[in-house]
Amino acid sequence: MSAPDADADADGREIDGPSIAVGVLVACAGGLFLVEPLVGPVGVFSLAIRSIALSAIFLTSGFGLGAVLYGRRGRRLIGIAHAIAAIGFGFLAGAMVLGSQLFLFGGVVVLVGGSAFLVAQTSRGK
């Protein structure tokens, strides 16, 4: 089945630009997570932010973009899954940047509750 925003490469395989954009953001998040032990805080404007916090910010951005793109394509459940992840990891990013235990708790609640919701929806076949 062809995706609405897909093009074909030279071999005729579909290239899904929006999914690639989401994948690049998530890959950057993974890279930032892995370099955490090797690098110190990174200067962003006037803030010194650890790379693991930047990782959570990139992850939030990737999932947020995925929520919008999949929602626009009519892939409701995948869009909702990305939105839940974006909100949960957004809270976790906020917890790391601000040092807030409340944000940490909120992120865990959103991710666990959202996961339970998605499992229930999937088991119903929606």
PDB file of N, CA and C in Angstrom:
ATOM      1  N   MET A   1       0.846  -1.169   0.000  1.00  0.00           N
ATOM      2  CA  MET A   1       0.000   0.000   0.000  1.00  0.00           C
ATOM      3  C   MET A   1       0.888   1.227   0.000  1.00  0.00           C
ATOM      4  N   SER A   2       0.570   2.187  -0.805  1.00  0.00           N
ATOM      5  CA  SER A   2       1.385   3.387  -0.959  1.00  0.00           C
ATOM      6  C   SER A   2       0.972   4.458   0.038  1.00  0.00           C
ATOM      7  N   ALA A   3       1.961   5.090   0.676  1.00  0.00           N
ATOM      8  CA  ALA A   3       1.700   6.201   1.587  1.00  0.00           C
ATOM      9  C   ALA A   3       1.455   7.459   0.760  1.00  0.00           C
ATOM     10  N   PRO A   4       0.577   8.373   1.212  1.00  0.00           N
ATOM     11  CA  PRO A   4       0.248   9.566   0.425  1.00  0.00           C
ATOM     12  C   PRO A   4       1.452  10.461   0.137  1.00  0.00           C
ATOM     13  N   ASP A   5       2.416  10.536   1.030  1.00  0.00           N
ATOM     14  CA  ASP A   5       3.550  11.432   0.854  1.00  0.00           C
ATOM     15  C   ASP A   5       4.794  10.691   0.383  1.00  0.00           C
ATOM     16  N   ALA A   6       4.639   9.498  -0.157  1.00  0.00           N
ATOM     17  CA  ALA A   6       5.797   8.681  -0.511  1.00  0.00           C
ATOM     18  C   ALA A   6       6.196   8.915  -1.969  1.00  0.00           C
ATOM     19  N   ASP A   7       7.497   8.910  -2.201  1.00  0.00           N
ATOM     20  CA  ASP A   7       8.068   8.945  -3.541  1.00  0.00           C
ATOM     21  C   ASP A   7       8.769   7.612  -3.740  1.00  0.00           C
ATOM     22  N   ALA A   8       9.275   7.385  -4.933  1.00  0.00           N
ATOM     23  CA  ALA A   8       9.995   6.143  -5.180  1.00  0.00           C
ATOM     24  C   ALA A   8      11.455   6.466  -5.459  1.00  0.00           C
ATOM     25  N   ASP A   9      12.349   5.575  -4.992  1.00  0.00           N
ATOM     26  CA  ASP A   9      13.767   5.737  -5.304  1.00  0.00           C
ATOM     27  C   ASP A   9      14.047   5.069  -6.642  1.00  0.00           C
ATOM     28  N   ALA A  10      15.302   4.983  -7.018  1.00  0.00           N
ATOM     29  CA  ALA A  10      15.680   4.433  -8.322  1.00  0.00           C
ATOM     30  C   ALA A  10      15.257   2.977  -8.488  1.00  0.00           C
ATOM     31  N   ASP A  11      15.162   2.226  -7.398  1.00  0.00           N
ATOM     32  CA  ASP A  11      14.763   0.823  -7.471  1.00  0.00           C
ATOM     33  C   ASP A  11      13.259   0.625  -7.397  1.00  0.00           C
ATOM     34  N   GLY A  12      12.502   1.715  -7.286  1.00  0.00           N
ATOM     35  CA  GLY A  12      11.054   1.619  -7.199  1.00  0.00           C
ATOM     36  C   GLY A  12      10.517   1.456  -5.789  1.00  0.00           C
ATOM     37  N   ARG A  13      11.416   1.445  -4.795  1.00  0.00           N
ATOM     38  CA  ARG A  13      10.955   1.342  -3.398  1.00  0.00           C
ATOM     39  C   ARG A  13      10.426   2.692  -2.947  1.00  0.00           C
ATOM     40  N   GLU A  14       9.447   2.649  -2.072  1.00  0.00           N
ATOM     41  CA  GLU A  14       8.848   3.887  -1.580  1.00  0.00           C
ATOM     42  C   GLU A  14       9.762   4.584  -0.584  1.00  0.00           C
ATOM     43  N   ILE A  15       9.868   5.897  -0.721  1.00  0.00           N
ATOM     44  CA  ILE A  15      10.600   6.729   0.236  1.00  0.00           C
ATOM     45  C   ILE A  15       9.566   7.581   0.944  1.00  0.00           C
ATOM     46  N   ASP A  16       9.475   7.417   2.223  1.00  0.00           N
ATOM     47  CA  ASP A  16       8.488   8.128   3.021  1.00  0.00           C
ATOM     48  C   ASP A  16       9.195   9.256   3.774  1.00  0.00           C
ATOM     49  N   GLY A  17       9.210  10.445   3.186  1.00  0.00           N
ATOM     50  CA  GLY A  17       9.933  11.589   3.744  1.00  0.00           C
ATOM     51  C   GLY A  17       9.578  11.924   5.183  1.00  0.00           C
ATOM     52  N   PRO A  18       8.292  12.044   5.522  1.00  0.00           N
ATOM     53  CA  PRO A  18       7.944  12.363   6.907  1.00  0.00           C
ATOM     54  C   PRO A  18       8.436  11.319   7.913  1.00  0.00           C
ATOM     55  N   SER A  19       8.334  10.045   7.559  1.00  0.00           N
ATOM     56  CA  SER A  19       8.824   9.002   8.466  1.00  0.00           C
ATOM     57  C   SER A  19      10.341   9.069   8.616  1.00  0.00           C
ATOM     58  N   ILE A  20      11.025   9.432   7.540  1.00  0.00           N
ATOM     59  CA  ILE A  20      12.476   9.589   7.613  1.00  0.00           C
ATOM     60  C   ILE A  20      12.827  10.745   8.532  1.00  0.00           C
ATOM     61  N   ALA A  21      12.075  11.853   8.443  1.00  0.00           N
ATOM     62  CA  ALA A  21      12.326  13.010   9.321  1.00  0.00           C
ATOM     63  C   ALA A  21      12.153  12.621  10.794  1.00  0.00           C
ATOM     64  N   VAL A  22      11.102  11.879  11.091  1.00  0.00           N
ATOM     65  CA  VAL A  22      10.879  11.412  12.467  1.00  0.00           C
ATOM     66  C   VAL A  22      12.023  10.493  12.884  1.00  0.00           C
ATOM     67  N   GLY A  23      12.418   9.597  12.012  1.00  0.00           N
ATOM     68  CA  GLY A  23      13.508   8.670  12.303  1.00  0.00           C
ATOM     69  C   GLY A  23      14.824   9.379  12.561  1.00  0.00           C
ATOM     70  N   VAL A  24      15.102  10.431  11.806  1.00  0.00           N
ATOM     71  CA  VAL A  24      16.345  11.189  12.012  1.00  0.00           C
ATOM     72  C   VAL A  24      16.346  11.845  13.391  1.00  0.00           C
ATOM     73  N   LEU A  25      15.224  12.440  13.790  1.00  0.00           N
ATOM     74  CA  LEU A  25      15.149  13.058  15.116  1.00  0.00           C
ATOM     75  C   LEU A  25      15.333  12.014  16.224  1.00  0.00           C
ATOM     76  N   VAL A  26      14.710  10.861  16.073  1.00  0.00           N
ATOM     77  CA  VAL A  26      14.841   9.803  17.080  1.00  0.00           C
ATOM     78  C   VAL A  26      16.271   9.251  17.090  1.00  0.00           C
ATOM     79  N   ALA A  27      16.898   9.150  15.918  1.00  0.00           N
ATOM     80  CA  ALA A  27      18.293   8.694  15.860  1.00  0.00           C
ATOM     81  C   ALA A  27      19.223   9.697  16.528  1.00  0.00           C
ATOM     82  N   CYS A  28      18.985  10.981  16.319  1.00  0.00           N
ATOM     83  CA  CYS A  28      19.783  12.016  17.005  1.00  0.00           C
ATOM     84  C   CYS A  28      19.617  11.895  18.514  1.00  0.00           C
ATOM     85  N   ALA A  29      18.398  11.619  18.955  1.00  0.00           N
ATOM     86  CA  ALA A  29      18.153  11.432  20.385  1.00  0.00           C
ATOM     87  C   ALA A  29      18.961  10.254  20.912  1.00  0.00           C
ATOM     88  N   GLY A  30      18.992   9.171  20.168  1.00  0.00           N
ATOM     89  CA  GLY A  30      19.769   8.001  20.574  1.00  0.00           C
ATOM     90  C   GLY A  30      21.252   8.307  20.633  1.00  0.00           C
ATOM     91  N   GLY A  31      21.749   9.048  19.654  1.00  0.00           N
ATOM     92  CA  GLY A  31      23.157   9.428  19.646  1.00  0.00           C
ATOM     93  C   GLY A  31      23.512  10.304  20.840  1.00  0.00           C
ATOM     94  N   LEU A  32      22.667  11.273  21.144  1.00  0.00           N
ATOM     95  CA  LEU A  32      22.906  12.139  22.307  1.00  0.00           C
ATOM     96  C   LEU A  32      22.869  11.342  23.606  1.00  0.00           C
ATOM     97  N   PHE A  33      21.990  10.359  23.666  1.00  0.00           N
ATOM     98  CA  PHE A  33      21.913   9.500  24.850  1.00  0.00           C
ATOM     99  C   PHE A  33      23.215   8.719  25.032  1.00  0.00           C
ATOM    100  N   LEU A  34      23.747   8.204  23.927  1.00  0.00           N
ATOM    101  CA  LEU A  34      24.957   7.383  23.999  1.00  0.00           C
ATOM    102  C   LEU A  34      26.215   8.179  24.333  1.00  0.00           C
ATOM    103  N   VAL A  35      26.270   9.461  23.929  1.00  0.00           N
ATOM    104  CA  VAL A  35      27.476  10.251  24.205  1.00  0.00           C
ATOM    105  C   VAL A  35      27.450  10.916  25.579  1.00  0.00           C
ATOM    106  N   GLU A  36      26.383  10.740  26.324  1.00  0.00           N
ATOM    107  CA  GLU A  36      26.257  11.372  27.648  1.00  0.00           C
ATOM    108  C   GLU A  36      27.484  11.140  28.536  1.00  0.00           C
ATOM    109  N   PRO A  37      28.003   9.922  28.640  1.00  0.00           N
ATOM    110  CA  PRO A  37      29.153   9.721  29.526  1.00  0.00           C
ATOM    111  C   PRO A  37      30.445  10.368  29.007  1.00  0.00           C
ATOM    112  N   LEU A  38      30.475  10.717  27.725  1.00  0.00           N
ATOM    113  CA  LEU A  38      31.703  11.215  27.114  1.00  0.00           C
ATOM    114  C   LEU A  38      31.810  12.731  27.041  1.00  0.00           C
ATOM    115  N   VAL A  39      30.691  13.421  27.092  1.00  0.00           N
ATOM    116  CA  VAL A  39      30.706  14.880  26.932  1.00  0.00           C
ATOM    117  C   VAL A  39      30.099  15.556  28.159  1.00  0.00           C
ATOM    118  N   GLY A  40      30.497  16.777  28.366  1.00  0.00           N
ATOM    119  CA  GLY A  40      29.928  17.574  29.452  1.00  0.00           C
ATOM    120  C   GLY A  40      28.659  18.267  28.988  1.00  0.00           C
ATOM    121  N   PRO A  41      28.132  19.145  29.814  1.00  0.00           N
ATOM    122  CA  PRO A  41      26.940  19.899  29.425  1.00  0.00           C
ATOM    123  C   PRO A  41      27.189  20.739  28.172  1.00  0.00           C
ATOM    124  N   VAL A  42      26.161  20.882  27.367  1.00  0.00           N
ATOM    125  CA  VAL A  42      26.225  21.631  26.121  1.00  0.00           C
ATOM    126  C   VAL A  42      25.573  22.988  26.350  1.00  0.00           C
ATOM    127  N   GLY A  43      26.206  24.047  25.871  1.00  0.00           N
ATOM    128  CA  GLY A  43      25.628  25.386  26.013  1.00  0.00           C
ATOM    129  C   GLY A  43      24.546  25.627  24.978  1.00  0.00           C
ATOM    130  N   VAL A  44      23.332  25.851  25.449  1.00  0.00           N
ATOM    131  CA  VAL A  44      22.212  26.190  24.584  1.00  0.00           C
ATOM    132  C   VAL A  44      21.670  27.518  25.087  1.00  0.00           C
ATOM    133  N   PHE A  45      21.860  28.563  24.287  1.00  0.00           N
ATOM    134  CA  PHE A  45      21.584  29.933  24.694  1.00  0.00           C
ATOM    135  C   PHE A  45      22.372  30.202  25.976  1.00  0.00           C
ATOM    136  N   SER A  46      21.724  30.532  27.060  1.00  0.00           N
ATOM    137  CA  SER A  46      22.466  30.810  28.292  1.00  0.00           C
ATOM    138  C   SER A  46      22.430  29.628  29.263  1.00  0.00           C
ATOM    139  N   LEU A  47      21.883  28.504  28.824  1.00  0.00           N
ATOM    140  CA  LEU A  47      21.759  27.328  29.685  1.00  0.00           C
ATOM    141  C   LEU A  47      22.833  26.293  29.364  1.00  0.00           C
ATOM    142  N   ALA A  48      23.285  25.594  30.374  1.00  0.00           N
ATOM    143  CA  ALA A  48      24.159  24.442  30.181  1.00  0.00           C
ATOM    144  C   ALA A  48      23.299  23.192  30.375  1.00  0.00           C
ATOM    145  N   ILE A  49      23.043  22.479  29.280  1.00  0.00           N
ATOM    146  CA  ILE A  49      22.128  21.342  29.307  1.00  0.00           C
ATOM    147  C   ILE A  49      22.911  20.063  29.036  1.00  0.00           C
ATOM    148  N   ARG A  50      22.680  19.042  29.856  1.00  0.00           N
ATOM    149  CA  ARG A  50      23.318  17.740  29.640  1.00  0.00           C
ATOM    150  C   ARG A  50      22.792  17.129  28.352  1.00  0.00           C
ATOM    151  N   SER A  51      23.640  16.332  27.723  1.00  0.00           N
ATOM    152  CA  SER A  51      23.234  15.737  26.442  1.00  0.00           C
ATOM    153  C   SER A  51      22.062  14.770  26.613  1.00  0.00           C
ATOM    154  N   ILE A  52      21.909  14.185  27.779  1.00  0.00           N
ATOM    155  CA  ILE A  52      20.770  13.287  27.990  1.00  0.00           C
ATOM    156  C   ILE A  52      19.452  14.070  28.005  1.00  0.00           C
ATOM    157  N   ALA A  53      19.495  15.308  28.501  1.00  0.00           N
ATOM    158  CA  ALA A  53      18.304  16.160  28.449  1.00  0.00           C
ATOM    159  C   ALA A  53      18.024  16.582  27.007  1.00  0.00           C
ATOM    160  N   LEU A  54      19.079  16.891  26.255  1.00  0.00           N
ATOM    161  CA  LEU A  54      18.897  17.196  24.836  1.00  0.00           C
ATOM    162  C   LEU A  54      18.338  15.989  24.097  1.00  0.00           C
ATOM    163  N   SER A  55      18.767  14.805  24.498  1.00  0.00           N
ATOM    164  CA  SER A  55      18.246  13.581  23.913  1.00  0.00           C
ATOM    165  C   SER A  55      16.730  13.499  24.104  1.00  0.00           C
ATOM    166  N   ALA A  56      16.274  13.782  25.308  1.00  0.00           N
ATOM    167  CA  ALA A  56      14.831  13.745  25.583  1.00  0.00           C
ATOM    168  C   ALA A  56      14.099  14.827  24.788  1.00  0.00           C
ATOM    169  N   ILE A  57      14.740  15.979  24.579  1.00  0.00           N
ATOM    170  CA  ILE A  57      14.120  17.051  23.793  1.00  0.00           C
ATOM    171  C   ILE A  57      13.993  16.619  22.331  1.00  0.00           C
ATOM    172  N   PHE A  58      15.045  16.011  21.771  1.00  0.00           N
ATOM    173  CA  PHE A  58      14.974  15.520  20.397  1.00  0.00           C
ATOM    174  C   PHE A  58      13.923  14.420  20.274  1.00  0.00           C
ATOM    175  N   LEU A  59      13.854  13.547  21.258  1.00  0.00           N
ATOM    176  CA  LEU A  59      12.870  12.470  21.242  1.00  0.00           C
ATOM    177  C   LEU A  59      11.452  13.040  21.282  1.00  0.00           C
ATOM    178  N   THR A  60      11.253  14.037  22.128  1.00  0.00           N
ATOM    179  CA  THR A  60       9.958  14.707  22.204  1.00  0.00           C
ATOM    180  C   THR A  60       9.594  15.325  20.861  1.00  0.00           C
ATOM    181  N   SER A  61      10.559  15.994  20.238  1.00  0.00           N
ATOM    182  CA  SER A  61      10.310  16.615  18.927  1.00  0.00           C
ATOM    183  C   SER A  61       9.977  15.568  17.870  1.00  0.00           C
ATOM    184  N   GLY A  62      10.709  14.465  17.857  1.00  0.00           N
ATOM    185  CA  GLY A  62      10.445  13.411  16.884  1.00  0.00           C
ATOM    186  C   GLY A  62       9.068  12.800  17.057  1.00  0.00           C
ATOM    187  N   PHE A  63       8.724  12.493  18.291  1.00  0.00           N
ATOM    188  CA  PHE A  63       7.398  11.915  18.532  1.00  0.00           C
ATOM    189  C   PHE A  63       6.281  12.931  18.264  1.00  0.00           C
ATOM    190  N   GLY A  64       6.521  14.199  18.588  1.00  0.00           N
ATOM    191  CA  GLY A  64       5.526  15.230  18.300  1.00  0.00           C
ATOM    192  C   GLY A  64       5.291  15.376  16.804  1.00  0.00           C
ATOM    193  N   LEU A  65       6.380  15.376  16.039  1.00  0.00           N
ATOM    194  CA  LEU A  65       6.260  15.437  14.583  1.00  0.00           C
ATOM    195  C   LEU A  65       5.525  14.208  14.064  1.00  0.00           C
ATOM    196  N   GLY A  66       5.858  13.040  14.604  1.00  0.00           N
ATOM    197  CA  GLY A  66       5.173  11.813  14.200  1.00  0.00           C
ATOM    198  C   GLY A  66       3.680  11.865  14.499  1.00  0.00           C
ATOM    199  N   ALA A  67       3.312  12.440  15.640  1.00  0.00           N
ATOM    200  CA  ALA A  67       1.888  12.552  15.997  1.00  0.00           C
ATOM    201  C   ALA A  67       1.136  13.378  14.962  1.00  0.00           C
ATOM    202  N   VAL A  68       1.719  14.491  14.565  1.00  0.00           N
ATOM    203  CA  VAL A  68       1.073  15.360  13.580  1.00  0.00           C
ATOM    204  C   VAL A  68       1.014  14.670  12.210  1.00  0.00           C
ATOM    205  N   LEU A  69       2.130  14.113  11.784  1.00  0.00           N
ATOM    206  CA  LEU A  69       2.180  13.525  10.442  1.00  0.00           C
ATOM    207  C   LEU A  69       1.279  12.306  10.308  1.00  0.00           C
ATOM    208  N   TYR A  70       1.313  11.416  11.292  1.00  0.00           N
ATOM    209  CA  TYR A  70       0.448  10.234  11.206  1.00  0.00           C
ATOM    210  C   TYR A  70      -1.018  10.609  11.407  1.00  0.00           C
ATOM    211  N   GLY A  71      -1.285  11.589  12.254  1.00  0.00           N
ATOM    212  CA  GLY A  71      -2.657  12.056  12.425  1.00  0.00           C
ATOM    213  C   GLY A  71      -3.219  12.623  11.131  1.00  0.00           C
ATOM    214  N   ARG A  72      -2.403  13.394  10.412  1.00  0.00           N
ATOM    215  CA  ARG A  72      -2.839  13.971   9.142  1.00  0.00           C
ATOM    216  C   ARG A  72      -3.081  12.911   8.077  1.00  0.00           C
ATOM    217  N   ARG A  73      -2.412  11.789   8.196  1.00  0.00           N
ATOM    218  CA  ARG A  73      -2.583  10.700   7.228  1.00  0.00           C
ATOM    219  C   ARG A  73      -3.777   9.816   7.567  1.00  0.00           C
ATOM    220  N   GLY A  74      -4.425  10.077   8.688  1.00  0.00           N
ATOM    221  CA  GLY A  74      -5.562   9.261   9.082  1.00  0.00           C
ATOM    222  C   GLY A  74      -5.182   8.008   9.848  1.00  0.00           C
ATOM    223  N   ARG A  75      -3.926   7.900  10.259  1.00  0.00           N
ATOM    224  CA  ARG A  75      -3.469   6.738  11.043  1.00  0.00           C
ATOM    225  C   ARG A  75      -3.608   7.102  12.510  1.00  0.00           C
ATOM    226  N   ARG A  76      -4.848   7.090  12.976  1.00  0.00           N
ATOM    227  CA  ARG A  76      -5.230   7.630  14.277  1.00  0.00           C
ATOM    228  C   ARG A  76      -4.474   7.007  15.442  1.00  0.00           C
ATOM    229  N   LEU A  77      -4.441   5.685  15.540  1.00  0.00           N
ATOM    230  CA  LEU A  77      -3.830   5.032  16.690  1.00  0.00           C
ATOM    231  C   LEU A  77      -2.318   5.274  16.727  1.00  0.00           C
ATOM    232  N   ILE A  78      -1.664   5.238  15.585  1.00  0.00           N
ATOM    233  CA  ILE A  78      -0.223   5.515  15.547  1.00  0.00           C
ATOM    234  C   ILE A  78       0.023   6.976  15.912  1.00  0.00           C
ATOM    235  N   GLY A  79      -0.827   7.871  15.457  1.00  0.00           N
ATOM    236  CA  GLY A  79      -0.712   9.287  15.828  1.00  0.00           C
ATOM    237  C   GLY A  79      -0.882   9.494  17.324  1.00  0.00           C
ATOM    238  N   ILE A  80      -1.857   8.801  17.906  1.00  0.00           N
ATOM    239  CA  ILE A  80      -2.081   8.899  19.355  1.00  0.00           C
ATOM    240  C   ILE A  80      -0.878   8.338  20.112  1.00  0.00           C
ATOM    241  N   ALA A  81      -0.324   7.234  19.643  1.00  0.00           N
ATOM    242  CA  ALA A  81       0.851   6.648  20.298  1.00  0.00           C
ATOM    243  C   ALA A  81       2.016   7.630  20.286  1.00  0.00           C
ATOM    244  N   HIS A  82       2.235   8.299  19.157  1.00  0.00           N
ATOM    245  CA  HIS A  82       3.306   9.287  19.078  1.00  0.00           C
ATOM    246  C   HIS A  82       3.018  10.488  19.992  1.00  0.00           C
ATOM    247  N   ALA A  83       1.755  10.895  20.066  1.00  0.00           N
ATOM    248  CA  ALA A  83       1.410  12.031  20.926  1.00  0.00           C
ATOM    249  C   ALA A  83       1.641  11.695  22.400  1.00  0.00           C
ATOM    250  N   ILE A  84       1.256  10.498  22.811  1.00  0.00           N
ATOM    251  CA  ILE A  84       1.478  10.070  24.195  1.00  0.00           C
ATOM    252  C   ILE A  84       2.972  10.081  24.508  1.00  0.00           C
ATOM    253  N   ALA A  85       3.770   9.530  23.600  1.00  0.00           N
ATOM    254  CA  ALA A  85       5.218   9.508  23.806  1.00  0.00           C
ATOM    255  C   ALA A  85       5.782  10.919  23.858  1.00  0.00           C
ATOM    256  N   ALA A  86       5.301  11.811  22.994  1.00  0.00           N
ATOM    257  CA  ALA A  86       5.792  13.190  22.982  1.00  0.00           C
ATOM    258  C   ALA A  86       5.495  13.884  24.304  1.00  0.00           C
ATOM    259  N   ILE A  87       4.303  13.699  24.815  1.00  0.00           N
ATOM    260  CA  ILE A  87       3.940  14.330  26.092  1.00  0.00           C
ATOM    261  C   ILE A  87       4.759  13.731  27.228  1.00  0.00           C
ATOM    262  N   GLY A  88       4.842  12.410  27.275  1.00  0.00           N
ATOM    263  CA  GLY A  88       5.593  11.749  28.350  1.00  0.00           C
ATOM    264  C   GLY A  88       7.060  12.121  28.346  1.00  0.00           C
ATOM    265  N   PHE A  89       7.702  12.051  27.183  1.00  0.00           N
ATOM    266  CA  PHE A  89       9.121  12.402  27.112  1.00  0.00           C
ATOM    267  C   PHE A  89       9.328  13.906  27.261  1.00  0.00           C
ATOM    268  N   GLY A  90       8.326  14.702  26.918  1.00  0.00           N
ATOM    269  CA  GLY A  90       8.400  16.145  27.178  1.00  0.00           C
ATOM    270  C   GLY A  90       8.472  16.420  28.668  1.00  0.00           C
ATOM    271  N   PHE A  91       7.646  15.710  29.422  1.00  0.00           N
ATOM    272  CA  PHE A  91       7.715  15.840  30.881  1.00  0.00           C
ATOM    273  C   PHE A  91       9.080  15.396  31.417  1.00  0.00           C
ATOM    274  N   LEU A  92       9.601  14.292  30.879  1.00  0.00           N
ATOM    275  CA  LEU A  92      10.910  13.812  31.326  1.00  0.00           C
ATOM    276  C   LEU A  92      12.014  14.802  30.968  1.00  0.00           C
ATOM    277  N   ALA A  93      11.927  15.414  29.790  1.00  0.00           N
ATOM    278  CA  ALA A  93      12.904  16.438  29.410  1.00  0.00           C
ATOM    279  C   ALA A  93      12.815  17.622  30.360  1.00  0.00           C
ATOM    280  N   GLY A  94      11.590  18.028  30.669  1.00  0.00           N
ATOM    281  CA  GLY A  94      11.398  19.126  31.619  1.00  0.00           C
ATOM    282  C   GLY A  94      11.949  18.782  32.991  1.00  0.00           C
ATOM    283  N   ALA A  95      11.787  17.529  33.395  1.00  0.00           N
ATOM    284  CA  ALA A  95      12.304  17.093  34.693  1.00  0.00           C
ATOM    285  C   ALA A  95      13.822  17.210  34.729  1.00  0.00           C
ATOM    286  N   MET A  96      14.485  16.839  33.632  1.00  0.00           N
ATOM    287  CA  MET A  96      15.946  16.910  33.608  1.00  0.00           C
ATOM    288  C   MET A  96      16.448  18.343  33.522  1.00  0.00           C
ATOM    289  N   VAL A  97      15.799  19.156  32.713  1.00  0.00           N
ATOM    290  CA  VAL A  97      16.238  20.541  32.550  1.00  0.00           C
ATOM    291  C   VAL A  97      15.974  21.351  33.818  1.00  0.00           C
ATOM    292  N   LEU A  98      14.807  21.161  34.424  1.00  0.00           N
ATOM    293  CA  LEU A  98      14.427  21.951  35.593  1.00  0.00           C
ATOM    294  C   LEU A  98      14.768  21.282  36.920  1.00  0.00           C
ATOM    295  N   GLY A  99      15.103  20.000  36.882  1.00  0.00           N
ATOM    296  CA  GLY A  99      15.367  19.269  38.122  1.00  0.00           C
ATOM    297  C   GLY A  99      14.106  19.059  38.947  1.00  0.00           C
ATOM    298  N   SER A 100      12.983  18.853  38.281  1.00  0.00           N
ATOM    299  CA  SER A 100      11.685  18.738  38.943  1.00  0.00           C
ATOM    300  C   SER A 100      11.247  17.281  39.090  1.00  0.00           C
ATOM    301  N   GLN A 101      11.046  16.857  40.312  1.00  0.00           N
ATOM    302  CA  GLN A 101      10.528  15.508  40.547  1.00  0.00           C
ATOM    303  C   GLN A 101       9.074  15.393  40.130  1.00  0.00           C
ATOM    304  N   LEU A 102       8.340  16.480  40.190  1.00  0.00           N
ATOM    305  CA  LEU A 102       6.941  16.480  39.773  1.00  0.00           C
ATOM    306  C   LEU A 102       6.834  16.191  38.268  1.00  0.00           C
ATOM    307  N   PHE A 103       7.702  16.814  37.466  1.00  0.00           N
ATOM    308  CA  PHE A 103       7.702  16.544  36.035  1.00  0.00           C
ATOM    309  C   PHE A 103       8.108  15.103  35.754  1.00  0.00           C
ATOM    310  N   LEU A 104       9.063  14.603  36.511  1.00  0.00           N
ATOM    311  CA  LEU A 104       9.487  13.209  36.356  1.00  0.00           C
ATOM    312  C   LEU A 104       8.319  12.271  36.619  1.00  0.00           C
ATOM    313  N   PHE A 105       7.617  12.496  37.713  1.00  0.00           N
ATOM    314  CA  PHE A 105       6.453  11.677  38.046  1.00  0.00           C
ATOM    315  C   PHE A 105       5.382  11.796  36.960  1.00  0.00           C
ATOM    316  N   GLY A 106       5.134  13.018  36.490  1.00  0.00           N
ATOM    317  CA  GLY A 106       4.142  13.225  35.434  1.00  0.00           C
ATOM    318  C   GLY A 106       4.498  12.490  34.161  1.00  0.00           C
ATOM    319  N   GLY A 107       5.775  12.507  33.794  1.00  0.00           N
ATOM    320  CA  GLY A 107       6.215  11.805  32.594  1.00  0.00           C
ATOM    321  C   GLY A 107       6.012  10.309  32.700  1.00  0.00           C
ATOM    322  N   VAL A 108       6.353   9.759  33.861  1.00  0.00           N
ATOM    323  CA  VAL A 108       6.177   8.316  34.064  1.00  0.00           C
ATOM    324  C   VAL A 108       4.695   7.955  34.029  1.00  0.00           C
ATOM    325  N   VAL A 109       3.867   8.768  34.654  1.00  0.00           N
ATOM    326  CA  VAL A 109       2.419   8.501  34.656  1.00  0.00           C
ATOM    327  C   VAL A 109       1.863   8.533  33.234  1.00  0.00           C
ATOM    328  N   VAL A 110       2.259   9.532  32.456  1.00  0.00           N
ATOM    329  CA  VAL A 110       1.770   9.640  31.070  1.00  0.00           C
ATOM    330  C   VAL A 110       2.224   8.438  30.249  1.00  0.00           C
ATOM    331  N   LEU A 111       3.493   8.064  30.362  1.00  0.00           N
ATOM    332  CA  LEU A 111       4.000   6.943  29.569  1.00  0.00           C
ATOM    333  C   LEU A 111       3.371   5.612  29.971  1.00  0.00           C
ATOM    334  N   VAL A 112       3.241   5.362  31.271  1.00  0.00           N
ATOM    335  CA  VAL A 112       2.640   4.102  31.719  1.00  0.00           C
ATOM    336  C   VAL A 112       1.140   4.076  31.405  1.00  0.00           C
ATOM    337  N   GLY A 113       0.440   5.159  31.714  1.00  0.00           N
ATOM    338  CA  GLY A 113      -0.993   5.222  31.424  1.00  0.00           C
ATOM    339  C   GLY A 113      -1.282   5.163  29.931  1.00  0.00           C
ATOM    340  N   GLY A 114      -0.460   5.880  29.155  1.00  0.00           N
ATOM    341  CA  GLY A 114      -0.628   5.859  27.708  1.00  0.00           C
ATOM    342  C   GLY A 114      -0.352   4.490  27.123  1.00  0.00           C
ATOM    343  N   SER A 115       0.640   3.810  27.658  1.00  0.00           N
ATOM    344  CA  SER A 115       0.943   2.455  27.194  1.00  0.00           C
ATOM    345  C   SER A 115      -0.213   1.512  27.491  1.00  0.00           C
ATOM    346  N   ALA A 116      -0.788   1.627  28.671  1.00  0.00           N
ATOM    347  CA  ALA A 116      -1.942   0.793  29.023  1.00  0.00           C
ATOM    348  C   ALA A 116      -3.116   1.078  28.090  1.00  0.00           C
ATOM    349  N   PHE A 117      -3.353   2.356  27.800  1.00  0.00           N
ATOM    350  CA  PHE A 117      -4.421   2.734  26.867  1.00  0.00           C
ATOM    351  C   PHE A 117      -4.183   2.130  25.491  1.00  0.00           C
ATOM    352  N   LEU A 118      -2.935   2.213  25.012  1.00  0.00           N
ATOM    353  CA  LEU A 118      -2.627   1.688  23.680  1.00  0.00           C
ATOM    354  C   LEU A 118      -2.761   0.172  23.616  1.00  0.00           C
ATOM    355  N   VAL A 119      -2.367  -0.517  24.677  1.00  0.00           N
ATOM    356  CA  VAL A 119      -2.534  -1.972  24.720  1.00  0.00           C
ATOM    357  C   VAL A 119      -4.021  -2.317  24.676  1.00  0.00           C
ATOM    358  N   ALA A 120      -4.826  -1.586  25.427  1.00  0.00           N
ATOM    359  CA  ALA A 120      -6.276  -1.840  25.434  1.00  0.00           C
ATOM    360  C   ALA A 120      -6.876  -1.595  24.053  1.00  0.00           C
ATOM    361  N   GLN A 121      -6.458  -0.516  23.389  1.00  0.00           N
ATOM    362  CA  GLN A 121      -6.975  -0.209  22.057  1.00  0.00           C
ATOM    363  C   GLN A 121      -6.555  -1.257  21.033  1.00  0.00           C
ATOM    364  N   THR A 122      -5.314  -1.699  21.139  1.00  0.00           N
ATOM    365  CA  THR A 122      -4.812  -2.699  20.207  1.00  0.00           C
ATOM    366  C   THR A 122      -5.515  -4.042  20.399  1.00  0.00           C
ATOM    367  N   SER A 123      -5.769  -4.397  21.667  1.00  0.00           N
ATOM    368  CA  SER A 123      -6.429  -5.679  21.925  1.00  0.00           C
ATOM    369  C   SER A 123      -7.887  -5.675  21.443  1.00  0.00           C
ATOM    370  N   ARG A 124      -8.463  -4.501  21.344  1.00  0.00           N
ATOM    371  CA  ARG A 124      -9.834  -4.388  20.816  1.00  0.00           C
ATOM    372  C   ARG A 124      -9.849  -4.395  19.292  1.00  0.00           C
ATOM    373  N   GLY A 125      -8.671  -4.219  18.697  1.00  0.00           N
ATOM    374  CA  GLY A 125      -8.586  -4.255  17.236  1.00  0.00           C
ATOM    375  C   GLY A 125      -8.929  -2.942  16.579  1.00  0.00           C
ATOM    376  N   LYS A 126      -8.791  -1.844  17.296  1.00  0.00           N
ATOM    377  CA  LYS A 126      -9.115  -0.529  16.708  1.00  0.00           C
ATOM    378  C   LYS A 126      -7.929   0.075  16.030  1.00  0.00           C
TER     379      LYS A 126
END
